C-alpha atoms as a PDB file:
ATOM      1  CA  MET A   1      -0.152  -0.144  -0.021  1.00  0.00           C
ATOM      2  CA  PHE A   2       2.861   2.579   1.055  1.00  0.00           C
ATOM      3  CA  VAL A   3       4.746   1.700  -2.671  1.00  0.00           C
ATOM      4  CA  GLU A   4       1.292   2.363  -4.210  1.00  0.00           C
ATOM      5  CA  TRP A   5       0.441   5.369  -2.378  1.00  0.00           C
ATOM      6  CA  ALA A   6       3.974   6.760  -3.607  1.00  0.00           C
ATOM      7  CA  ARG A   7       3.050   5.821  -6.770  1.00  0.00           C
ATOM      8  CA  ILE A   8      -0.418   7.022  -7.344  1.00  0.00           C
ATOM      9  CA  HIS A   9      -0.590  10.299  -4.901  1.00  0.00           C
ATOM     10  CA  GLY A  10       3.641  10.608  -4.135  1.00  0.00           C
ATOM     11  CA  ILE A  11       5.651  11.516  -1.211  1.00  0.00           C
ATOM     12  CA  TYR A  12       7.800  13.992  -0.291  1.00  0.00           C
ATOM     13  CA  ASP A  13      11.005  13.957  -2.013  1.00  0.00           C
ATOM     14  CA  PRO A  14      13.637  16.157   0.346  1.00  0.00           C
ATOM     15  CA  ALA A  15      15.603  16.864  -2.967  1.00  0.00           C
ATOM     16  CA  ILE A  16      13.074  19.000  -4.651  1.00  0.00           C
ATOM     17  CA  GLY A  17      11.015  20.342  -1.313  1.00  0.00           C
ATOM     18  CA  SER A  18       7.748  19.290  -2.437  1.00  0.00           C
ATOM     19  CA  THR A  19       5.301  16.078  -2.839  1.00  0.00           C
ATOM     20  CA  ARG A  20       5.684  13.929  -5.999  1.00  0.00           C
ATOM     21  CA  GLN A  21       4.910  10.758  -7.577  1.00  0.00           C
ATOM     22  CA  VAL A  22       7.434   8.277  -7.135  1.00  0.00           C
ATOM     23  CA  VAL A  23       7.829   5.024  -9.237  1.00  0.00           C
ATOM     24  CA  TYR A  24       9.621   2.017  -7.780  1.00  0.00           C
ATOM     25  CA  ASN A  25      12.893   0.781  -9.015  1.00  0.00           C
ATOM     26  CA  LEU A  26      12.399  -2.941  -9.345  1.00  0.00           C
ATOM     27  CA  ASP A  27      15.673  -3.852 -10.490  1.00  0.00           C
ATOM     28  CA  VAL A  28      16.372  -6.632  -8.209  1.00  0.00           C
ATOM     29  CA  ALA A  29      20.340  -6.758  -8.937  1.00  0.00           C
ATOM     30  CA  ALA A  30      20.196  -2.597  -7.731  1.00  0.00           C
ATOM     31  CA  ILE A  31      18.215  -3.938  -4.365  1.00  0.00           C
ATOM     32  CA  TRP A  32      20.743  -6.759  -3.782  1.00  0.00           C
ATOM     33  CA  ASN A  33      23.770  -4.576  -3.787  1.00  0.00           C
ATOM     34  CA  HIS A  34      21.617  -1.867  -1.826  1.00  0.00           C
ATOM     35  CA  GLN A  35      21.744  -4.518   1.257  1.00  0.00           C
ATOM     36  CA  PHE A  36      25.016  -3.633   2.666  1.00  0.00           C
ATOM     37  CA  ASP A  37      24.588   0.403   2.259  1.00  0.00           C
ATOM     38  CA  PHE A  38      21.068   0.921   2.085  1.00  0.00           C
ATOM     39  CA  LEU A  39      21.726   3.939   4.676  1.00  0.00           C
ATOM     40  CA  LYS A  40      23.042   5.904   2.266  1.00  0.00           C
ATOM     41  CA  ILE A  41      20.382   5.636  -0.956  1.00  0.00           C
ATOM     42  CA  ASP A  42      19.628   8.452  -2.142  1.00  0.00           C
ATOM     43  CA  SER A  43      16.559   7.578  -4.173  1.00  0.00           C
ATOM     44  CA  LEU A  44      13.077   7.242  -3.713  1.00  0.00           C
ATOM     45  CA  GLU A  45      12.365   5.668  -6.621  1.00  0.00           C
ATOM     46  CA  ASP A  46      15.228   2.603  -5.341  1.00  0.00           C
ATOM     47  CA  ILE A  47      13.779   2.780  -1.433  1.00  0.00           C
ATOM     48  CA  MET A  48      10.433   2.215  -3.236  1.00  0.00           C
ATOM     49  CA  GLY A  49      11.830  -0.709  -5.218  1.00  0.00           C
ATOM     50  CA  GLY A  50      13.067  -2.470  -2.335  1.00  0.00           C
ATOM     51  CA  HIS A  51       9.377  -1.793  -0.162  1.00  0.00           C
ATOM     52  CA  ALA A  52       7.866  -3.071  -3.210  1.00  0.00           C
ATOM     53  CA  PHE A  53      10.260  -6.495  -3.534  1.00  0.00           C
ATOM     54  CA  LEU A  54       9.972  -6.955   0.259  1.00  0.00           C
ATOM     55  CA  ALA A  55       6.715  -6.525   0.025  1.00  0.00           C
ATOM     56  CA  PHE A  56       6.734  -9.268  -2.694  1.00  0.00           C
ATOM     57  CA  LEU A  57       8.718 -11.729  -0.853  1.00  0.00           C
ATOM     58  CA  GLU A  58       6.474 -11.696   2.787  1.00  0.00           C
ATOM     59  CA  ILE A  59       3.559 -11.924   0.415  1.00  0.00           C
ATOM     60  CA  THR A  60       4.719 -14.758  -1.007  1.00  0.00           C
ATOM     61  CA  GLY A  61       6.085 -16.525   1.584  1.00  0.00           C
ATOM     62  CA  GLY A  62       2.875 -15.859   3.596  1.00  0.00           C
ATOM     63  CA  ALA A  63       0.551 -17.452   1.090  1.00  0.00           C
ATOM     64  CA  PHE A  64       2.694 -20.382   0.925  1.00  0.00           C
ATOM     65  CA  HIS A  65       2.607 -21.673   4.498  1.00  0.00           C
ATOM     66  CA  ILE A  66      -0.956 -20.782   4.542  1.00  0.00           C
ATOM     67  CA  ALA A  67      -1.235 -23.153   1.636  1.00  0.00           C
ATOM     68  CA  THR A  68       1.079 -25.880   2.246  1.00  0.00           C
ATOM     69  CA  LYS A  69       1.703 -28.019   5.558  1.00  0.00           C
ATOM     70  CA  GLN A  70       4.581 -29.221   7.076  1.00  0.00           C
ATOM     71  CA  PHE A  71       6.341 -32.207   5.234  1.00  0.00           C
ATOM     72  CA  GLY A  72       6.712 -35.607   8.058  1.00  0.00           C
ATOM     73  CA  GLU A  73       7.197 -35.289  11.493  1.00  0.00           C
ATOM     74  CA  TYR A  74       9.414 -33.219  13.878  1.00  0.00           C
ATOM     75  CA  THR A  75      11.997 -35.713  15.471  1.00  0.00           C
ATOM     76  CA  GLU A  76      14.833 -34.998  17.515  1.00  0.00           C
ATOM     77  CA  PHE A  77      16.968 -34.498  14.565  1.00  0.00           C
ATOM     78  CA  LYS A  78      14.543 -32.642  12.431  1.00  0.00           C
ATOM     79  CA  GLY A  79      13.540 -29.555  14.666  1.00  0.00           C
ATOM     80  CA  LYS A  80      11.491 -30.779  17.032  1.00  0.00           C
ATOM     81  CA  GLY A  81      13.250 -28.482  19.306  1.00  0.00           C
ATOM     82  CA  LEU A  82      13.246 -25.528  17.254  1.00  0.00           C
ATOM     83  CA  LEU A  83       9.700 -25.217  16.247  1.00  0.00           C
ATOM     84  CA  GLY A  84       8.193 -24.887  19.765  1.00  0.00           C
ATOM     85  CA  GLY A  85       5.926 -21.874  21.081  1.00  0.00           C
ATOM     86  CA  GLU A  86       9.060 -20.542  22.805  1.00  0.00           C
ATOM     87  CA  ALA A  87      11.382 -20.692  19.859  1.00  0.00           C
ATOM     88  CA  ILE A  88       9.147 -19.345  17.470  1.00  0.00           C
ATOM     89  CA  LEU A  89       8.223 -16.286  19.416  1.00  0.00           C
ATOM     90  CA  SER A  90      12.535 -15.898  20.106  1.00  0.00           C
ATOM     91  CA  TYR A  91      12.583 -15.622  16.408  1.00  0.00           C
ATOM     92  CA  SER A  92      10.200 -13.170  15.581  1.00  0.00           C
ATOM     93  CA  VAL A  93      10.746 -11.437  18.463  1.00  0.00           C
ATOM     94  CA  VAL A  94      14.958 -10.531  17.715  1.00  0.00           C
ATOM     95  CA  GLY A  95      13.479 -10.075  13.965  1.00  0.00           C
ATOM     96  CA  VAL A  96      11.547  -7.425  15.449  1.00  0.00           C
ATOM     97  CA  SER A  97      14.579  -6.126  17.406  1.00  0.00           C
ATOM     98  CA  PHE A  98      17.012  -6.458  14.201  1.00  0.00           C
ATOM     99  CA  MET A  99      14.262  -3.820  12.012  1.00  0.00           C
ATOM    100  CA  ALA A 100      13.935  -1.793  15.044  1.00  0.00           C
ATOM    101  CA  PHE A 101      18.475  -0.821  15.339  1.00  0.00           C
ATOM    102  CA  VAL A 102      18.024  -0.403  11.337  1.00  0.00           C
ATOM    103  CA  ALA A 103      15.613   1.669  11.751  1.00  0.00           C
ATOM    104  CA  ALA A 104      17.535   3.381  14.168  1.00  0.00           C
ATOM    105  CA  PHE A 105      20.618   3.883  12.319  1.00  0.00           C
ATOM    106  CA  TRP A 106      18.618   4.498   9.521  1.00  0.00           C
ATOM    107  CA  CYS A 107      17.044   7.554  10.962  1.00  0.00           C
ATOM    108  CA  ALA A 108      19.846   8.875  12.244  1.00  0.00           C
ATOM    109  CA  SER A 109      21.642   9.383   9.254  1.00  0.00           C
ATOM    110  CA  ASN A 110      19.446   9.167   6.124  1.00  0.00           C
ATOM    111  CA  THR A 111      18.084  12.546   4.787  1.00  0.00           C
ATOM    112  CA  THR A 112      16.209  11.292   1.769  1.00  0.00           C
ATOM    113  CA  VAL A 113      13.749   8.993   3.788  1.00  0.00           C
ATOM    114  CA  TYR A 114      13.850  11.433   6.774  1.00  0.00           C
ATOM    115  CA  ALA A 115      14.847  14.687   5.218  1.00  0.00           C
ATOM    116  CA  GLU A 116      16.577  17.281   7.403  1.00  0.00           C
ATOM    117  CA  ASP A 117      13.602  19.808   6.993  1.00  0.00           C
ATOM    118  CA  LEU A 118      10.793  17.795   8.641  1.00  0.00           C
ATOM    119  CA  TYR A 119      13.478  15.795  11.027  1.00  0.00           C
ATOM    120  CA  GLY A 120      16.332  17.772  11.239  1.00  0.00           C
ATOM    121  CA  ALA A 121      19.982  17.276  11.055  1.00  0.00           C
ATOM    122  CA  PRO A 122      21.542  13.746  10.674  1.00  0.00           C
ATOM    123  CA  LEU A 123      22.566  12.689  14.588  1.00  0.00           C
ATOM    124  CA  LYS A 124      25.631  11.212  16.198  1.00  0.00           C
ATOM    125  CA  LEU A 125      26.150   8.009  18.133  1.00  0.00           C
ATOM    126  CA  GLU A 126      27.457   9.045  21.610  1.00  0.00           C
ATOM    127  CA  PHE A 127      27.937   6.364  24.690  1.00  0.00           C
ATOM    128  CA  GLN A 128      27.770   7.345  27.984  1.00  0.00           C
ATOM    129  CA  PHE A 129      25.858   5.155  30.721  1.00  0.00           C
ATOM    130  CA  ALA A 130      24.316   3.865  27.181  1.00  0.00           C
ATOM    131  CA  PRO A 131      24.724   4.526  23.349  1.00  0.00           C
ATOM    132  CA  TYR A 132      22.304   6.934  22.597  1.00  0.00           C
ATOM    133  CA  PHE A 133      22.151   9.638  19.211  1.00  0.00           C
ATOM    134  CA  THR A 134      22.133  13.181  20.107  1.00  0.00           C
ATOM    135  CA  ASP A 135      21.811  15.825  17.715  1.00  0.00           C
ATOM    136  CA  THR A 136      25.163  17.504  15.883  1.00  0.00           C
ATOM    137  CA  VAL A 137      22.857  20.975  15.971  1.00  0.00           C
ATOM    138  CA  ASP A 138      22.653  22.916  19.577  1.00  0.00           C
ATOM    139  CA  LEU A 139      18.744  23.719  19.704  1.00  0.00           C
ATOM    140  CA  GLY A 140      18.881  25.160  23.464  1.00  0.00           C
ATOM    141  CA  GLU A 141      18.680  23.468  26.720  1.00  0.00           C
ATOM    142  CA  GLY A 142      16.416  20.214  26.764  1.00  0.00           C
ATOM    143  CA  ALA A 143      15.645  20.528  23.205  1.00  0.00           C
ATOM    144  CA  TYR A 144      15.513  17.753  20.798  1.00  0.00           C
ATOM    145  CA  SER A 145      14.873  16.920  17.177  1.00  0.00           C
ATOM    146  CA  SER A 146      12.062  14.624  15.944  1.00  0.00           C
ATOM    147  CA  ARG A 147      15.241  12.778  14.476  1.00  0.00           C
ATOM    148  CA  ALA A 148      16.759  12.152  17.869  1.00  0.00           C
ATOM    149  CA  TRP A 149      13.435  11.122  19.364  1.00  0.00           C
ATOM    150  CA  LEU A 150      12.436   8.712  16.788  1.00  0.00           C
ATOM    151  CA  ALA A 151      15.972   7.360  16.456  1.00  0.00           C
ATOM    152  CA  ASN A 152      16.429   6.954  20.281  1.00  0.00           C
ATOM    153  CA  VAL A 153      13.135   4.927  20.807  1.00  0.00           C
ATOM    154  CA  HIS A 154      13.594   2.658  18.018  1.00  0.00           C
ATOM    155  CA  PHE A 155      17.151   1.774  19.278  1.00  0.00           C
ATOM    156  CA  TYR A 156      15.800   1.236  22.998  1.00  0.00           C
ATOM    157  CA  LEU A 157      13.118  -0.122  21.930  1.00  0.00           C
ATOM    158  CA  GLY A 158      15.217  -2.455  19.612  1.00  0.00           C
ATOM    159  CA  PHE A 159      17.641  -3.603  23.145  1.00  0.00           C
ATOM    160  CA  PHE A 160      14.170  -4.386  25.038  1.00  0.00           C
ATOM    161  CA  PHE A 161      12.871  -6.422  22.042  1.00  0.00           C
ATOM    162  CA  LEU A 162      16.425  -8.524  22.267  1.00  0.00           C
ATOM    163  CA  GLN A 163      15.509  -9.142  25.757  1.00  0.00           C
ATOM    164  CA  GLY A 164      12.615 -10.987  25.324  1.00  0.00           C
ATOM    165  CA  HIS A 165      14.124 -12.661  22.390  1.00  0.00           C
ATOM    166  CA  LEU A 166      16.887 -13.580  25.141  1.00  0.00           C
ATOM    167  CA  TRP A 167      14.426 -14.303  27.668  1.00  0.00           C
ATOM    168  CA  HIS A 168      12.074 -17.168  25.361  1.00  0.00           C
ATOM    169  CA  ALA A 169      15.318 -18.646  23.737  1.00  0.00           C
ATOM    170  CA  LEU A 170      16.462 -19.488  26.992  1.00  0.00           C
ATOM    171  CA  ARG A 171      13.061 -20.808  28.032  1.00  0.00           C
ATOM    172  CA  ALA A 172      12.678 -22.646  24.491  1.00  0.00           C
ATOM    173  CA  MET A 173      16.270 -24.237  25.471  1.00  0.00           C
ATOM    174  CA  GLY A 174      14.752 -25.732  28.910  1.00  0.00           C
ATOM    175  CA  PHE A 175      15.949 -23.194  31.209  1.00  0.00           C
ATOM    176  CA  ASP A 176      13.318 -22.505  34.207  1.00  0.00           C
ATOM    177  CA  PHE A 177      13.289 -19.155  35.661  1.00  0.00           C
ATOM    178  CA  LYS A 178      11.303 -20.386  38.569  1.00  0.00           C
ATOM    179  CA  LYS A 179      14.515 -21.914  39.369  1.00  0.00           C
ATOM    180  CA  ILE A 180      16.881 -18.676  40.211  1.00  0.00           C
ATOM    181  CA  GLY A 181      14.733 -17.770  42.950  1.00  0.00           C
ATOM    182  CA  GLN A 182      14.874 -21.456  44.687  1.00  0.00           C
ATOM    183  CA  ALA A 183      18.342 -21.195  44.710  1.00  0.00           C
ATOM    184  CA  PHE A 184      18.442 -17.720  46.095  1.00  0.00           C
ATOM    185  CA  ASP A 185      16.256 -18.912  48.711  1.00  0.00           C
ATOM    186  CA  ASN A 186      18.524 -21.909  49.315  1.00  0.00           C
ATOM    187  CA  MET A 187      21.715 -19.895  49.304  1.00  0.00           C
ATOM    188  CA  GLU A 188      19.769 -17.823  52.288  1.00  0.00           C
ATOM    189  CA  ASN A 189      19.105 -21.157  53.868  1.00  0.00           C
ATOM    190  CA  ALA A 190      22.272 -21.777  53.665  1.00  0.00           C
ATOM    191  CA  LYS A 191      23.701 -18.683  55.322  1.00  0.00           C
ATOM    192  CA  ILE A 192      20.713 -19.104  57.994  1.00  0.00           C
ATOM    193  CA  SER A 193      21.902 -22.610  58.785  1.00  0.00           C
ATOM    194  CA  GLN A 194      25.528 -22.092  59.059  1.00  0.00           C
ATOM    195  CA  ASN A 195      24.906 -19.010  61.585  1.00  0.00           C
ATOM    196  CA  GLY A 196      22.607 -20.637  63.267  1.00  0.00           C
END
């Protein structure tokens, strides 16, 4: 829908400072070449082409999995532990985490998708207690650009989704978090009995 909206109604192009119709570039070689330098893409046609390509892959994959059933039975050697509910949730959550990190870095540095006149100047990554993006232009005490807010929110949400991935991955592997509390209780009881 986003790609078709851009093609029919148009989206904002920071190069010309107004809205224009964007016909997507569905050149698979160009899309493949941009997988490692996507933060530097400066063509709305290429960006819309990448969105169209991903939409096609996701819709095709969804239709395939709806229309087919799994082949054979799962055994210890064929994905039995990898396809439990906790494991699948773990894989899904790490995918959301990865996309949040990508969105954070893209928002912080790309001025084609996140135009400077709408979001402010590109950001720099700093580190004190934790990594964070900060404005490169002084906006006054306590003022931040919408780019800084958006990039940092994506970054920290990605971090917490990553923690959710680790939680569910450990549970999928059989780790019981209830035993942590029991272990601490046993340590406390052992100290009391040694002192008594």
